[in-house]
Amino acid sequence: MRQQSILLRAVNPKYNMNRFYYIQVGEDLFDTPYMMTTYGRSGTSGRTKNYAFDSWSHLDKQLSKTLRKRLNAKNRIGCNYQIQIHHQDEF
């Protein structure tokens, strides 16, 4: 079983912005690939969404799309997210 987590942060004091976006990918008990995202203002519990995928290739496509959107967010929110922590485990 593999598990990976990524923490992204967007901070812009000019706009009073302090956001986080936490992504966790892995396999559930039935070996189904999943992605869990939690996002919101730093200091809050945020909002969590869970996604299950048919295959790792579908998960990889969604993960790439999500990271691309967050790392290129300057036009939407005024600044890009930065990768703070990237952690990978193999079980």
N, C-alpha and C. Protein backbone atom coordinates (compact mmCIF):
# COMPACT_ATOMS: atom_id res chain seq x y z
N MET A 1 0.85 -1.17 0.00
CA MET A 1 0.00 0.00 0.00
C MET A 1 0.90 1.23 0.00
N ARG A 2 0.57 2.18 -0.83
CA ARG A 2 1.32 3.43 -0.84
C ARG A 2 0.42 4.57 -0.42
N GLN A 3 1.02 5.55 0.20
CA GLN A 3 0.28 6.72 0.65
C GLN A 3 1.15 7.94 0.46
N GLN A 4 0.53 9.01 0.03
CA GLN A 4 1.27 10.24 -0.23
C GLN A 4 0.44 11.42 0.24
N SER A 5 1.09 12.42 0.82
CA SER A 5 0.37 13.61 1.25
C SER A 5 1.15 14.86 0.85
N ILE A 6 0.41 15.90 0.51
CA ILE A 6 1.00 17.16 0.06
C ILE A 6 0.25 18.29 0.75
N LEU A 7 0.98 19.23 1.32
CA LEU A 7 0.38 20.42 1.94
C LEU A 7 0.78 21.63 1.12
N LEU A 8 -0.21 22.36 0.65
CA LEU A 8 0.00 23.59 -0.11
C LEU A 8 -0.51 24.78 0.71
N ARG A 9 0.18 25.92 0.60
CA ARG A 9 -0.29 27.13 1.29
C ARG A 9 -0.23 28.32 0.35
N ALA A 10 -1.24 29.18 0.47
CA ALA A 10 -1.29 30.45 -0.27
C ALA A 10 -1.39 31.56 0.77
N VAL A 11 -0.38 32.42 0.80
CA VAL A 11 -0.35 33.51 1.77
C VAL A 11 -0.12 34.81 1.03
N ASN A 12 -1.01 35.78 1.25
CA ASN A 12 -0.88 37.10 0.66
C ASN A 12 -1.42 38.12 1.67
N PRO A 13 -0.54 38.72 2.49
CA PRO A 13 -0.99 39.66 3.52
C PRO A 13 -1.74 40.87 2.95
N LYS A 14 -1.42 41.27 1.73
CA LYS A 14 -2.09 42.42 1.11
C LYS A 14 -3.60 42.19 1.02
N TYR A 15 -4.00 40.94 0.75
CA TYR A 15 -5.42 40.59 0.63
C TYR A 15 -5.95 39.84 1.84
N ASN A 16 -5.18 39.83 2.94
CA ASN A 16 -5.57 39.11 4.15
C ASN A 16 -5.88 37.64 3.84
N MET A 17 -5.02 37.04 3.02
CA MET A 17 -5.22 35.66 2.58
C MET A 17 -4.22 34.74 3.26
N ASN A 18 -4.73 33.66 3.82
CA ASN A 18 -3.89 32.65 4.44
C ASN A 18 -4.62 31.32 4.30
N ARG A 19 -4.45 30.67 3.15
CA ARG A 19 -5.20 29.45 2.83
C ARG A 19 -4.29 28.22 2.84
N PHE A 20 -4.92 27.07 3.05
CA PHE A 20 -4.20 25.80 2.94
C PHE A 20 -4.99 24.86 2.05
N TYR A 21 -4.29 23.90 1.46
CA TYR A 21 -4.90 22.86 0.63
C TYR A 21 -4.09 21.59 0.89
N TYR A 22 -4.69 20.62 1.55
CA TYR A 22 -4.02 19.38 1.93
C TYR A 22 -4.56 18.25 1.06
N ILE A 23 -3.67 17.52 0.40
CA ILE A 23 -4.05 16.42 -0.48
C ILE A 23 -3.44 15.14 0.06
N GLN A 24 -4.25 14.12 0.20
CA GLN A 24 -3.76 12.81 0.61
C GLN A 24 -4.26 11.78 -0.40
N VAL A 25 -3.35 10.97 -0.93
CA VAL A 25 -3.73 9.91 -1.85
C VAL A 25 -3.23 8.58 -1.30
N GLY A 26 -3.94 7.53 -1.60
CA GLY A 26 -3.55 6.21 -1.13
C GLY A 26 -4.54 5.15 -1.56
N GLU A 27 -4.50 4.02 -0.88
CA GLU A 27 -5.43 2.91 -1.13
C GLU A 27 -6.25 2.67 0.11
N ASP A 28 -7.53 2.34 -0.08
CA ASP A 28 -8.36 1.99 1.07
C ASP A 28 -8.18 0.50 1.38
N LEU A 29 -9.00 -0.04 2.27
CA LEU A 29 -8.87 -1.44 2.68
C LEU A 29 -9.13 -2.42 1.55
N PHE A 30 -9.83 -1.98 0.50
CA PHE A 30 -10.14 -2.84 -0.64
C PHE A 30 -9.23 -2.57 -1.83
N ASP A 31 -8.09 -1.92 -1.58
CA ASP A 31 -7.10 -1.58 -2.61
C ASP A 31 -7.65 -0.64 -3.68
N THR A 32 -8.65 0.14 -3.34
CA THR A 32 -9.20 1.13 -4.26
C THR A 32 -8.44 2.44 -4.08
N PRO A 33 -7.89 3.00 -5.16
CA PRO A 33 -7.20 4.28 -5.05
C PRO A 33 -8.17 5.39 -4.63
N TYR A 34 -7.71 6.26 -3.74
CA TYR A 34 -8.55 7.38 -3.31
C TYR A 34 -7.73 8.64 -3.21
N MET A 35 -8.42 9.78 -3.24
CA MET A 35 -7.81 11.07 -2.98
C MET A 35 -8.71 11.83 -2.02
N MET A 36 -8.13 12.35 -0.97
CA MET A 36 -8.86 13.15 0.00
C MET A 36 -8.25 14.55 -0.01
N THR A 37 -9.10 15.56 -0.16
CA THR A 37 -8.63 16.94 -0.13
C THR A 37 -9.30 17.67 1.04
N THR A 38 -8.52 18.45 1.74
CA THR A 38 -9.02 19.32 2.80
C THR A 38 -8.47 20.71 2.52
N TYR A 39 -9.35 21.70 2.53
CA TYR A 39 -8.92 23.04 2.19
C TYR A 39 -9.71 24.07 2.97
N GLY A 40 -9.12 25.26 3.10
CA GLY A 40 -9.80 26.35 3.79
C GLY A 40 -8.81 27.39 4.28
N ARG A 41 -9.27 28.23 5.18
CA ARG A 41 -8.42 29.25 5.78
C ARG A 41 -7.58 28.61 6.87
N SER A 42 -6.32 28.96 6.93
CA SER A 42 -5.43 28.42 7.97
C SER A 42 -5.98 28.77 9.35
N GLY A 43 -5.89 27.80 10.25
CA GLY A 43 -6.42 27.98 11.60
C GLY A 43 -7.82 27.41 11.76
N THR A 44 -8.43 26.97 10.64
CA THR A 44 -9.75 26.34 10.70
C THR A 44 -9.60 24.86 10.34
N SER A 45 -10.65 24.08 10.58
CA SER A 45 -10.60 22.66 10.22
C SER A 45 -10.78 22.47 8.72
N GLY A 46 -11.32 23.44 8.02
CA GLY A 46 -11.48 23.37 6.57
C GLY A 46 -12.61 22.45 6.15
N ARG A 47 -12.69 22.24 4.87
CA ARG A 47 -13.70 21.38 4.27
C ARG A 47 -12.98 20.19 3.64
N THR A 48 -13.53 18.99 3.82
CA THR A 48 -12.91 17.77 3.31
C THR A 48 -13.80 17.11 2.26
N LYS A 49 -13.17 16.69 1.17
CA LYS A 49 -13.85 15.94 0.13
C LYS A 49 -13.06 14.67 -0.16
N ASN A 50 -13.77 13.56 -0.37
CA ASN A 50 -13.16 12.28 -0.67
C ASN A 50 -13.55 11.82 -2.06
N TYR A 51 -12.59 11.27 -2.78
CA TYR A 51 -12.82 10.77 -4.14
C TYR A 51 -12.26 9.36 -4.24
N ALA A 52 -13.00 8.44 -4.85
CA ALA A 52 -12.53 7.09 -5.14
C ALA A 52 -12.36 6.95 -6.65
N PHE A 53 -11.35 6.20 -7.07
CA PHE A 53 -11.04 6.06 -8.49
C PHE A 53 -10.99 4.59 -8.89
N ASP A 54 -11.22 4.34 -10.17
CA ASP A 54 -11.18 2.99 -10.71
C ASP A 54 -9.75 2.47 -10.84
N SER A 55 -8.82 3.38 -11.11
CA SER A 55 -7.44 2.98 -11.32
C SER A 55 -6.50 4.09 -10.87
N TRP A 56 -5.22 3.73 -10.74
CA TRP A 56 -4.21 4.72 -10.36
C TRP A 56 -4.02 5.75 -11.47
N SER A 57 -4.22 5.37 -12.71
CA SER A 57 -4.04 6.33 -13.79
C SER A 57 -5.11 7.43 -13.73
N HIS A 58 -6.34 7.09 -13.36
CA HIS A 58 -7.39 8.11 -13.20
C HIS A 58 -7.05 9.03 -12.02
N LEU A 59 -6.56 8.44 -10.93
CA LEU A 59 -6.17 9.25 -9.78
C LEU A 59 -5.03 10.19 -10.15
N ASP A 60 -4.02 9.67 -10.86
CA ASP A 60 -2.89 10.51 -11.25
C ASP A 60 -3.31 11.68 -12.12
N LYS A 61 -4.27 11.46 -13.03
CA LYS A 61 -4.78 12.56 -13.87
C LYS A 61 -5.44 13.63 -13.01
N GLN A 62 -6.28 13.21 -12.06
CA GLN A 62 -6.97 14.17 -11.19
C GLN A 62 -5.99 14.90 -10.29
N LEU A 63 -5.00 14.18 -9.76
CA LEU A 63 -3.99 14.81 -8.91
C LEU A 63 -3.20 15.85 -9.70
N SER A 64 -2.80 15.52 -10.91
CA SER A 64 -2.06 16.47 -11.75
C SER A 64 -2.90 17.71 -12.05
N LYS A 65 -4.17 17.49 -12.35
CA LYS A 65 -5.08 18.61 -12.63
C LYS A 65 -5.23 19.51 -11.40
N THR A 66 -5.39 18.90 -10.23
CA THR A 66 -5.55 19.66 -8.99
C THR A 66 -4.29 20.46 -8.67
N LEU A 67 -3.12 19.82 -8.76
CA LEU A 67 -1.87 20.52 -8.47
C LEU A 67 -1.62 21.65 -9.46
N ARG A 68 -1.88 21.41 -10.73
CA ARG A 68 -1.69 22.45 -11.75
C ARG A 68 -2.56 23.68 -11.44
N LYS A 69 -3.82 23.42 -11.05
CA LYS A 69 -4.73 24.52 -10.73
C LYS A 69 -4.25 25.31 -9.52
N ARG A 70 -3.81 24.62 -8.48
CA ARG A 70 -3.38 25.31 -7.25
C ARG A 70 -2.05 26.03 -7.42
N LEU A 71 -1.11 25.42 -8.15
CA LEU A 71 0.21 26.03 -8.31
C LEU A 71 0.20 27.17 -9.31
N ASN A 72 -0.90 27.34 -10.05
CA ASN A 72 -1.06 28.44 -11.01
C ASN A 72 -2.30 29.26 -10.68
N ALA A 73 -2.50 29.59 -9.42
CA ALA A 73 -3.74 30.24 -8.96
C ALA A 73 -3.64 31.77 -8.91
N LYS A 74 -2.54 32.34 -9.35
CA LYS A 74 -2.34 33.79 -9.20
C LYS A 74 -3.45 34.61 -9.85
N ASN A 75 -3.90 34.25 -11.03
CA ASN A 75 -4.95 35.02 -11.69
C ASN A 75 -6.29 34.90 -10.96
N ARG A 76 -6.53 33.76 -10.31
CA ARG A 76 -7.81 33.55 -9.64
C ARG A 76 -7.86 34.18 -8.25
N ILE A 77 -6.80 34.00 -7.45
CA ILE A 77 -6.86 34.44 -6.05
C ILE A 77 -5.80 35.46 -5.66
N GLY A 78 -4.91 35.83 -6.58
CA GLY A 78 -3.92 36.85 -6.29
C GLY A 78 -2.54 36.32 -5.95
N CYS A 79 -2.40 35.03 -5.68
CA CYS A 79 -1.09 34.42 -5.44
C CYS A 79 -1.19 32.91 -5.68
N ASN A 80 -0.04 32.31 -5.95
CA ASN A 80 0.00 30.88 -6.15
C ASN A 80 0.16 30.15 -4.83
N TYR A 81 -0.31 28.91 -4.77
CA TYR A 81 -0.03 28.04 -3.63
C TYR A 81 1.42 27.58 -3.73
N GLN A 82 2.05 27.38 -2.59
CA GLN A 82 3.42 26.87 -2.50
C GLN A 82 3.38 25.52 -1.79
N ILE A 83 4.21 24.58 -2.24
CA ILE A 83 4.29 23.28 -1.58
C ILE A 83 5.06 23.45 -0.28
N GLN A 84 4.43 23.10 0.84
CA GLN A 84 5.05 23.19 2.15
C GLN A 84 5.63 21.85 2.59
N ILE A 85 4.85 20.78 2.44
CA ILE A 85 5.26 19.45 2.88
C ILE A 85 4.84 18.45 1.82
N HIS A 86 5.74 17.53 1.52
CA HIS A 86 5.43 16.41 0.63
C HIS A 86 5.94 15.15 1.33
N HIS A 87 5.06 14.21 1.61
CA HIS A 87 5.43 13.02 2.36
C HIS A 87 4.92 11.79 1.64
N GLN A 88 5.77 10.77 1.54
CA GLN A 88 5.38 9.53 0.86
C GLN A 88 5.76 8.33 1.71
N ASP A 89 4.82 7.40 1.85
CA ASP A 89 5.04 6.16 2.61
C ASP A 89 4.75 4.96 1.72
N GLU A 90 5.50 3.88 1.95
CA GLU A 90 5.23 2.60 1.31
C GLU A 90 4.97 1.60 2.41
N PHE A 91 3.89 0.88 2.35
CA PHE A 91 3.58 -0.14 3.36
C PHE A 91 3.77 -1.50 2.77
